[in-house]
Amino acid sequence: MSVDESSDECTYCGSDVTRHDPVYVAEDAADGGRVDVGQFCNYACLVQYVEEEGLTEGACCTVDLG
């Protein structure tokens, strides 16, 4: 996924993100820079997108509490 920088549409719902409290998502690029990969109206749209796309399936972080 990549973001059309000329568009203000939410990646999830298509609404104009500038009319809300937008959240922008970027990932690390191979060259050490950043690549914009999503823009969302707010955290609710981001959460719904992540859930519907199954983006957390198989993801796991390890925390050492000891």
Protein backbone atom coordinates (compact mmCIF):
# COMPACT_ATOMS: atom_id res chain seq x y z
CA MET A 1 0.00 0.00 0.00
CA SER A 2 1.21 3.49 -0.69
CA VAL A 3 -0.47 6.84 -0.30
CA ASP A 4 -1.32 9.13 -3.21
CA GLU A 5 0.23 12.33 -1.85
CA SER A 6 -2.17 14.46 -3.90
CA SER A 7 -5.20 12.85 -2.23
CA ASP A 8 -6.74 13.68 1.13
CA GLU A 9 -8.87 10.50 1.17
CA CYS A 10 -8.85 8.19 4.17
CA THR A 11 -7.28 4.84 3.29
CA TYR A 12 -10.14 3.08 5.11
CA CYS A 13 -13.36 5.02 4.45
CA GLY A 14 -12.49 7.48 1.69
CA SER A 15 -13.50 10.59 3.67
CA ASP A 16 -11.44 13.77 3.55
CA VAL A 17 -8.87 13.33 6.35
CA THR A 18 -8.36 17.08 6.68
CA ARG A 19 -11.90 17.42 8.05
CA HIS A 20 -11.05 15.16 11.01
CA ASP A 21 -8.15 14.41 13.37
CA PRO A 22 -5.94 12.52 10.89
CA VAL A 23 -3.45 9.76 11.61
CA TYR A 24 -0.65 9.14 9.09
CA VAL A 25 1.25 5.85 8.87
CA ALA A 26 4.75 5.43 7.41
CA GLU A 27 7.19 2.53 7.16
CA ASP A 28 10.97 2.39 6.94
CA ALA A 29 12.27 2.28 3.36
CA ALA A 30 15.23 0.18 2.24
CA ASP A 31 17.29 3.36 1.78
CA GLY A 32 16.74 4.39 5.41
CA GLY A 33 14.02 6.92 4.60
CA ARG A 34 10.30 6.73 5.24
CA VAL A 35 7.47 5.68 2.92
CA ASP A 36 3.91 6.91 3.55
CA VAL A 37 1.62 3.88 3.54
CA GLY A 38 -1.70 5.13 4.89
CA GLN A 39 -3.73 8.08 6.06
CA PHE A 40 -6.81 7.77 8.21
CA CYS A 41 -9.52 10.13 9.51
CA ASN A 42 -8.70 9.13 13.08
CA TYR A 43 -7.62 6.16 15.16
CA ALA A 44 -11.05 4.51 14.73
CA CYS A 45 -10.55 4.21 10.96
CA LEU A 46 -6.99 2.97 11.49
CA VAL A 47 -8.14 0.29 13.97
CA GLN A 48 -10.96 -0.88 11.68
CA TYR A 49 -8.55 -1.06 8.73
CA VAL A 50 -6.01 -3.10 10.72
CA GLU A 51 -8.71 -5.50 11.95
CA GLU A 52 -10.40 -6.00 8.57
CA GLU A 53 -7.08 -6.52 6.77
CA GLY A 54 -5.89 -9.00 9.42
CA LEU A 55 -2.66 -7.06 9.86
CA THR A 56 -2.05 -8.32 13.39
CA GLU A 57 -2.40 -12.02 12.59
CA GLY A 58 0.88 -13.76 13.27
CA ALA A 59 2.44 -10.62 14.72
CA CYS A 60 4.01 -10.94 18.13
CA CYS A 61 6.25 -8.84 20.32
CA THR A 62 8.32 -10.30 23.12
CA VAL A 63 8.51 -8.51 26.44
CA ASP A 64 10.92 -9.56 29.17
CA LEU A 65 9.14 -8.79 32.45
CA GLY A 66 11.77 -10.45 34.56
